[in-house]
C-alpha atoms as a PDB file:
ATOM      1  CA  MET A   1      27.502 112.230  30.302  1.00  0.00           C
ATOM      2  CA  ALA A   2      28.709 108.874  31.630  1.00  0.00           C
ATOM      3  CA  ALA A   3      26.834 109.425  34.890  1.00  0.00           C
ATOM      4  CA  LEU A   4      23.609 110.064  32.992  1.00  0.00           C
ATOM      5  CA  SER A   5      24.108 106.930  30.899  1.00  0.00           C
ATOM      6  CA  LEU A   6      24.755 104.885  34.044  1.00  0.00           C
ATOM      7  CA  ALA A   7      21.625 106.288  35.716  1.00  0.00           C
ATOM      8  CA  PHE A   8      19.491 105.379  32.694  1.00  0.00           C
ATOM      9  CA  HIS A   9      21.011 101.909  32.579  1.00  0.00           C
ATOM     10  CA  LEU A  10      20.262 101.302  36.272  1.00  0.00           C
ATOM     11  CA  TYR A  11      16.742 102.684  35.841  1.00  0.00           C
ATOM     12  CA  ASP A  12      16.110 100.419  32.841  1.00  0.00           C
ATOM     13  CA  ARG A  13      17.368  97.374  34.725  1.00  0.00           C
ATOM     14  CA  GLN A  14      15.205  98.175  37.757  1.00  0.00           C
ATOM     15  CA  LEU A  15      12.166  98.784  35.543  1.00  0.00           C
ATOM     16  CA  LEU A  16      12.753  95.457  33.782  1.00  0.00           C
ATOM     17  CA  ASN A  17      13.026  93.588  37.114  1.00  0.00           C
ATOM     18  CA  ILE A  18       9.849  95.141  38.508  1.00  0.00           C
ATOM     19  CA  SER A  19       7.951  94.493  35.263  1.00  0.00           C
ATOM     20  CA  SER A  20       9.121  90.892  35.288  1.00  0.00           C
ATOM     21  CA  GLU A  21       7.946  90.410  38.877  1.00  0.00           C
ATOM     22  CA  ILE A  22       4.516  91.907  38.115  1.00  0.00           C
ATOM     23  CA  LEU A  23       4.110  89.775  34.990  1.00  0.00           C
ATOM     24  CA  ASN A  24       5.086  86.661  36.935  1.00  0.00           C
ATOM     25  CA  LEU A  25       2.584  87.513  39.682  1.00  0.00           C
ATOM     26  CA  HIS A  26      -0.249  88.022  37.182  1.00  0.00           C
ATOM     27  CA  SER A  27       0.538  84.889  35.189  1.00  0.00           C
ATOM     28  CA  THR A  28       0.616  82.831  38.402  1.00  0.00           C
ATOM     29  CA  SER A  29      -2.760  84.274  39.372  1.00  0.00           C
ATOM     30  CA  ILE A  30      -4.214  83.408  35.962  1.00  0.00           C
ATOM     31  CA  GLU A  31      -2.822  79.869  36.163  1.00  0.00           C
ATOM     32  CA  ASN A  32      -4.419  79.410  39.593  1.00  0.00           C
ATOM     33  CA  GLU A  33      -7.803  80.572  38.293  1.00  0.00           C
ATOM     34  CA  LEU A  34      -7.549  78.203  35.312  1.00  0.00           C
ATOM     35  CA  ARG A  35      -6.783  75.344  37.709  1.00  0.00           C
ATOM     36  CA  LYS A  36      -9.908  76.249  39.688  1.00  0.00           C
ATOM     37  CA  ILE A  37     -12.010  76.143  36.510  1.00  0.00           C
ATOM     38  CA  ASP A  38     -10.449  72.808  35.554  1.00  0.00           C
ATOM     39  CA  SER A  39     -11.242  71.438  39.009  1.00  0.00           C
ATOM     40  CA  LEU A  40     -14.815  72.757  38.816  1.00  0.00           C
ATOM     41  CA  THR A  41     -15.261  71.130  35.400  1.00  0.00           C
ATOM     42  CA  PHE A  42     -13.883  67.814  36.619  1.00  0.00           C
ATOM     43  CA  SER A  43     -16.063  67.807  39.726  1.00  0.00           C
ATOM     44  CA  PHE A  44     -19.157  68.630  37.649  1.00  0.00           C
ATOM     45  CA  VAL A  45     -18.524  65.900  35.087  1.00  0.00           C
ATOM     46  CA  THR A  46     -17.696  63.238  37.655  1.00  0.00           C
ATOM     47  CA  ASP A  47     -20.595  64.111  39.979  1.00  0.00           C
ATOM     48  CA  SER A  48     -22.949  61.172  40.500  1.00  0.00           C
ATOM     49  CA  LYS A  49     -26.043  63.333  39.892  1.00  0.00           C
ATOM     50  CA  THR A  50     -24.584  64.560  36.612  1.00  0.00           C
ATOM     51  CA  GLN A  51     -23.775  61.019  35.523  1.00  0.00           C
ATOM     52  CA  ALA A  52     -27.265  59.785  36.435  1.00  0.00           C
ATOM     53  CA  ASN A  53     -28.862  62.649  34.498  1.00  0.00           C
ATOM     54  CA  LEU A  54     -26.622  62.036  31.488  1.00  0.00           C
ATOM     55  CA  THR A  55     -27.470  58.332  31.532  1.00  0.00           C
ATOM     56  CA  MET A  56     -31.166  59.193  31.466  1.00  0.00           C
ATOM     57  CA  ILE A  57     -30.667  61.833  28.745  1.00  0.00           C
ATOM     58  CA  ASN A  58     -28.757  59.396  26.538  1.00  0.00           C
ATOM     59  CA  THR A  59     -31.612  56.903  26.500  1.00  0.00           C
ATOM     60  CA  ASP A  60     -33.484  56.704  23.222  1.00  0.00           C
ATOM     61  CA  GLN A  61     -36.823  57.180  24.894  1.00  0.00           C
ATOM     62  CA  SER A  62     -38.781  60.388  24.772  1.00  0.00           C
ATOM     63  CA  SER A  63     -40.181  60.516  28.263  1.00  0.00           C
ATOM     64  CA  TYR A  64     -41.011  62.743  31.170  1.00  0.00           C
ATOM     65  CA  GLU A  65     -38.067  61.262  33.097  1.00  0.00           C
ATOM     66  CA  LYS A  66     -35.735  62.345  30.299  1.00  0.00           C
ATOM     67  CA  TYR A  67     -37.228  65.855  30.449  1.00  0.00           C
ATOM     68  CA  GLN A  68     -36.667  65.913  34.216  1.00  0.00           C
ATOM     69  CA  ALA A  69     -33.054  64.795  33.745  1.00  0.00           C
ATOM     70  CA  ILE A  70     -32.455  67.588  31.198  1.00  0.00           C
ATOM     71  CA  ASP A  71     -34.028  70.106  33.569  1.00  0.00           C
ATOM     72  CA  ALA A  72     -31.896  68.833  36.468  1.00  0.00           C
ATOM     73  CA  LEU A  73     -28.764  69.048  34.320  1.00  0.00           C
ATOM     74  CA  LYS A  74     -29.593  72.625  33.346  1.00  0.00           C
ATOM     75  CA  THR A  75     -30.125  73.465  37.012  1.00  0.00           C
ATOM     76  CA  GLN A  76     -26.703  71.995  37.818  1.00  0.00           C
ATOM     77  CA  LEU A  77     -25.195  74.051  34.998  1.00  0.00           C
ATOM     78  CA  PHE A  78     -26.847  77.164  36.414  1.00  0.00           C
ATOM     79  CA  LEU A  79     -25.469  76.484  39.893  1.00  0.00           C
ATOM     80  CA  SER A  80     -22.021  75.845  38.436  1.00  0.00           C
ATOM     81  CA  SER A  81     -22.129  79.120  36.530  1.00  0.00           C
ATOM     82  CA  GLN A  82     -23.000  80.959  39.756  1.00  0.00           C
ATOM     83  CA  SER A  83     -20.167  79.446  41.775  1.00  0.00           C
ATOM     84  CA  GLU A  84     -17.515  81.785  40.386  1.00  0.00           C
ATOM     85  CA  ILE A  85     -17.989  85.443  39.482  1.00  0.00           C
ATOM     86  CA  TYR A  86     -16.008  85.274  36.246  1.00  0.00           C
ATOM     87  CA  ILE A  87     -17.945  82.357  34.745  1.00  0.00           C
ATOM     88  CA  SER A  88     -20.539  83.853  32.415  1.00  0.00           C
ATOM     89  CA  SER A  89     -21.870  80.659  30.856  1.00  0.00           C
ATOM     90  CA  VAL A  90     -21.622  76.894  31.130  1.00  0.00           C
ATOM     91  CA  SER A  91     -22.318  74.434  28.326  1.00  0.00           C
ATOM     92  CA  TYR A  92     -22.320  70.684  27.949  1.00  0.00           C
ATOM     93  CA  PHE A  93     -22.591  68.672  24.734  1.00  0.00           C
ATOM     94  CA  ASP A  94     -23.851  65.101  24.802  1.00  0.00           C
ATOM     95  CA  ASN A  95     -22.930  62.263  22.443  1.00  0.00           C
ATOM     96  CA  ALA A  96     -25.643  63.315  19.982  1.00  0.00           C
ATOM     97  CA  GLU A  97     -24.157  66.851  19.950  1.00  0.00           C
ATOM     98  CA  HIS A  98     -27.115  68.398  21.763  1.00  0.00           C
ATOM     99  CA  GLU A  99     -26.092  71.433  23.744  1.00  0.00           C
ATOM    100  CA  TYR A 100     -27.237  71.981  27.319  1.00  0.00           C
ATOM    101  CA  SER A 101     -26.213  75.389  28.542  1.00  0.00           C
ATOM    102  CA  TYR A 102     -26.867  78.215  30.908  1.00  0.00           C
ATOM    103  CA  SER A 103     -25.704  81.773  30.303  1.00  0.00           C
END
């Protein structure tokens, strides 16, 4: 009976160690993917083209240039959404709470 108890105890400890290693591996992988998304977001927001388009969009004028800037921003959002397979949509909200998105 003691031998059986010892075997179960060793099995439980080994199962716990393996489960812990697998969980650690998966959580590290998830953290790395989140860092990639954070980096992608930062590079998109700080891109000079994005900033130029946002400057034009935030003007009070209703013009063809503003329309072109919105279209260019949506194209950039589309390209950003295609850069990683797990990104299904990308959205941006301006100061006036208008949403520019691609799904």
